[in-house]
Amino acid sequence: MKIVIINYGAGNIQSIMFAIERLGFKAVLSNDPEEIKSAEKVIFPGVGEASSAMTKLRESGLDSLIPELKQPVLGICLGMQLMCNKTEEGNTEGLGIFDVDVLKFSNKVKVPQMGWNQIYDLKSDLFKGISENEFMYLVHSFYAPNCEESIATTNYDVEYASALQKDNFYGTQFHPEKSGDVGEKILGNFLKI
């Protein structure tokens, strides 16, 4: 299976590569549009700041390529947030795949949310064999509110979408590659979709 991790300069790509290898697969790092289009599965990672990440996507033309992809695409953390309409982080326009705007957590809670939190209301093949209220690893200051495309929920200050799905596009706010066996099972489920 050809798995491409989009390499656009924003992401903890190595830990995703290692998680995929532990599942018995190999992944290719690429920002080449033809290579990305020819992949069977695409992973869109992201760690960093939204406006600079979108600038990198625009410079490489990936901002117009990603929404056109037909194969399963998994956005992780900032990758998921950039797949939304826009984000309050840097007042940044996103890719518009998920019809929701990303908001900043209030001052009532410690920001960023960093560490383990539960996911529940699981509604997708992404969570096949995953129990409600499993703990996942999260590091983020912004969140996607629950919406029609929510497939998992987490509570931190507010209930928010910790995973989204629309057609062939999936997104997780949590880091499956850093969430132990359960997270790797979710990555494995994505590779079976």
Protein backbone atom coordinates (compact mmCIF):
# COMPACT_ATOMS: atom_id res chain seq x y z
CA MET A 1 0.00 0.00 0.00
CA LYS A 2 1.34 3.44 -0.91
CA ILE A 3 1.02 5.78 2.10
CA VAL A 4 2.16 9.37 1.68
CA ILE A 5 2.70 11.74 4.60
CA ILE A 6 2.45 15.30 3.30
CA ASN A 7 5.74 17.03 4.05
CA TYR A 8 5.13 20.78 4.12
CA GLY A 9 7.38 21.75 7.01
CA ALA A 10 4.80 21.50 9.80
CA GLY A 11 4.61 18.29 11.72
CA ASN A 12 6.15 15.69 13.96
CA ILE A 13 6.52 13.46 10.97
CA GLN A 14 9.00 10.97 12.47
CA SER A 15 6.63 9.71 15.17
CA ILE A 16 3.94 9.13 12.52
CA MET A 17 6.45 7.26 10.33
CA PHE A 18 7.48 5.04 13.27
CA ALA A 19 3.84 4.31 14.20
CA ILE A 20 3.09 3.25 10.61
CA GLU A 21 6.19 1.03 10.59
CA ARG A 22 5.04 -0.62 13.83
CA LEU A 23 1.79 -1.43 12.01
CA GLY A 24 3.83 -3.20 9.32
CA PHE A 25 3.68 -0.53 6.60
CA LYS A 26 6.06 1.96 5.06
CA ALA A 27 5.23 5.60 4.37
CA VAL A 28 6.78 8.10 2.00
CA LEU A 29 7.34 11.76 2.91
CA SER A 30 6.47 14.02 0.02
CA ASN A 31 5.21 17.42 -1.07
CA ASP A 32 5.15 16.34 -4.74
CA PRO A 33 1.56 16.71 -6.05
CA GLU A 34 1.83 13.70 -8.40
CA GLU A 35 3.15 11.44 -5.67
CA ILE A 36 0.42 12.59 -3.27
CA LYS A 37 -2.29 12.05 -5.91
CA SER A 38 -1.02 8.51 -6.62
CA ALA A 39 -1.08 7.46 -2.93
CA GLU A 40 -3.68 5.01 -1.64
CA LYS A 41 -3.73 6.78 1.74
CA VAL A 42 -2.63 10.32 2.61
CA ILE A 43 -1.73 11.61 6.08
CA PHE A 44 -1.75 15.38 6.61
CA PRO A 45 0.12 16.07 9.88
CA GLY A 46 0.59 19.35 11.62
CA VAL A 47 2.33 20.80 14.64
CA GLY A 48 2.89 24.52 14.71
CA GLU A 49 1.08 27.72 13.92
CA ALA A 50 -1.84 27.90 11.48
CA SER A 51 -1.02 30.99 9.40
CA SER A 52 2.59 30.00 8.68
CA ALA A 53 1.46 26.42 7.89
CA MET A 54 -1.16 27.72 5.42
CA THR A 55 1.47 29.97 3.83
CA LYS A 56 3.66 26.89 3.24
CA LEU A 57 0.69 25.01 1.73
CA ARG A 58 -0.11 27.93 -0.60
CA GLU A 59 3.53 28.30 -1.70
CA SER A 60 3.63 24.65 -2.75
CA GLY A 61 0.13 24.58 -4.30
CA LEU A 62 -0.97 21.95 -1.79
CA ASP A 63 -3.81 24.22 -0.58
CA SER A 64 -5.68 23.54 -3.84
CA LEU A 65 -4.55 19.89 -4.18
CA ILE A 66 -5.59 18.55 -0.76
CA PRO A 67 -9.35 19.34 -1.03
CA GLU A 68 -9.42 17.62 -4.45
CA LEU A 69 -7.99 14.29 -3.23
CA LYS A 70 -10.27 11.26 -3.69
CA GLN A 71 -8.44 8.68 -1.54
CA PRO A 72 -8.76 8.55 2.28
CA VAL A 73 -6.98 11.54 3.87
CA LEU A 74 -6.25 11.81 7.61
CA GLY A 75 -5.49 15.23 9.08
CA ILE A 76 -3.82 15.15 12.51
CA CYS A 77 -3.93 18.03 15.04
CA LEU A 78 -3.13 21.25 13.10
CA GLY A 79 -3.69 19.21 9.91
CA MET A 80 -7.32 18.66 10.97
CA GLN A 81 -7.73 22.33 11.94
CA LEU A 82 -6.40 23.51 8.56
CA MET A 83 -9.03 21.30 6.88
CA CYS A 84 -11.75 23.49 8.50
CA ASN A 85 -13.17 26.73 7.07
CA LYS A 86 -10.96 29.04 9.13
CA THR A 87 -9.23 29.31 12.48
CA GLU A 88 -8.94 32.11 15.02
CA GLU A 89 -5.21 31.29 15.18
CA GLY A 90 -3.73 34.13 13.14
CA ASN A 91 -7.23 34.72 11.69
CA THR A 92 -6.35 32.12 9.04
CA GLU A 93 -8.50 30.86 6.16
CA GLY A 94 -8.44 27.06 6.01
CA LEU A 95 -9.02 24.52 3.24
CA GLY A 96 -12.82 24.50 3.73
CA ILE A 97 -13.20 20.71 3.76
CA PHE A 98 -14.95 20.58 7.14
CA ASP A 99 -17.73 23.14 7.53
CA VAL A 100 -16.69 24.49 10.94
CA ASP A 101 -14.55 27.36 12.27
CA VAL A 102 -11.74 26.64 14.75
CA LEU A 103 -11.90 28.66 18.00
CA LYS A 104 -9.47 29.44 20.85
CA PHE A 105 -10.09 27.94 24.29
CA SER A 106 -11.23 30.48 26.86
CA ASN A 107 -9.02 31.87 29.63
CA LYS A 108 -10.90 29.71 32.15
CA VAL A 109 -8.66 26.73 31.38
CA LYS A 110 -4.92 26.14 31.05
CA VAL A 111 -3.92 26.62 27.42
CA PRO A 112 -2.69 24.66 25.61
CA GLN A 113 -4.61 21.57 26.62
CA MET A 114 -1.67 19.22 26.97
CA GLY A 115 -1.85 15.59 27.95
CA TRP A 116 -4.41 12.82 28.03
CA ASN A 117 -8.14 13.28 27.66
CA GLN A 118 -11.09 11.04 26.81
CA ILE A 119 -12.86 10.64 23.48
CA TYR A 120 -16.52 9.59 23.32
CA ASP A 121 -19.58 9.60 21.02
CA LEU A 122 -17.48 7.60 18.55
CA LYS A 123 -19.22 7.39 15.16
CA SER A 124 -16.97 6.07 12.39
CA ASP A 125 -15.06 3.04 11.10
CA LEU A 126 -12.02 4.99 12.28
CA PHE A 127 -13.02 3.86 15.79
CA LYS A 128 -13.83 0.23 14.98
CA GLY A 129 -12.97 -1.84 18.06
CA ILE A 130 -12.24 1.30 20.15
CA SER A 131 -14.13 1.70 23.43
CA GLU A 132 -15.96 4.85 24.45
CA ASN A 133 -13.98 7.08 26.85
CA GLU A 134 -10.53 5.89 25.76
CA PHE A 135 -7.74 8.33 26.57
CA MET A 136 -5.88 10.06 23.73
CA TYR A 137 -2.90 12.42 23.77
CA LEU A 138 -3.67 16.06 22.87
CA VAL A 139 -1.64 19.29 22.63
CA HIS A 140 -3.63 22.28 21.33
CA SER A 141 -4.89 25.77 22.13
CA PHE A 142 -7.63 25.86 19.49
CA TYR A 143 -10.55 23.49 18.87
CA ALA A 144 -13.28 22.68 16.36
CA PRO A 145 -16.72 22.96 17.99
CA ASN A 146 -19.02 19.96 17.72
CA CYS A 147 -20.77 20.03 14.36
CA GLU A 148 -22.51 17.77 11.85
CA GLU A 149 -19.16 16.26 10.82
CA SER A 150 -18.08 15.35 14.40
CA ILE A 151 -17.24 11.66 14.84
CA ALA A 152 -15.70 11.93 18.34
CA THR A 153 -16.10 14.38 21.22
CA THR A 154 -13.80 15.53 24.04
CA ASN A 155 -14.52 17.86 26.94
CA TYR A 156 -12.05 20.56 27.97
CA ASP A 157 -13.70 23.84 28.94
CA VAL A 158 -16.38 22.93 26.37
CA GLU A 159 -17.39 19.80 24.48
CA TYR A 160 -15.63 19.91 21.13
CA ALA A 161 -14.99 17.71 18.09
CA SER A 162 -11.89 15.62 18.73
CA ALA A 163 -12.42 13.94 15.33
CA LEU A 164 -14.20 14.94 12.12
CA GLN A 165 -15.21 13.13 8.94
CA LYS A 166 -16.64 14.21 5.62
CA ASP A 167 -16.61 11.80 2.67
CA ASN A 168 -13.00 10.55 2.27
CA PHE A 169 -11.59 13.15 4.70
CA TYR A 170 -10.91 12.34 8.35
CA GLY A 171 -9.37 14.50 11.04
CA THR A 172 -8.23 13.87 14.61
CA GLN A 173 -7.41 16.64 17.05
CA PHE A 174 -5.56 14.06 19.15
CA HIS A 175 -2.27 12.47 18.10
CA PRO A 176 -2.93 8.79 17.34
CA GLU A 177 0.83 8.28 16.83
CA LYS A 178 1.46 9.35 20.46
CA SER A 179 -1.57 7.69 22.04
CA GLY A 180 -0.16 4.19 22.57
CA ASP A 181 -1.81 0.98 21.39
CA VAL A 182 -5.28 2.52 21.08
CA GLY A 183 -3.98 5.37 18.93
CA GLU A 184 -2.08 2.95 16.71
CA LYS A 185 -5.25 0.88 16.35
CA ILE A 186 -7.04 4.02 15.10
CA LEU A 187 -4.19 4.61 12.59
CA GLY A 188 -4.51 0.96 11.56
CA ASN A 189 -8.26 1.41 11.07
CA PHE A 190 -7.57 4.42 8.83
CA LEU A 191 -5.20 2.32 6.71
CA LYS A 192 -8.00 -0.27 6.25
CA ILE A 193 -10.59 2.27 5.09
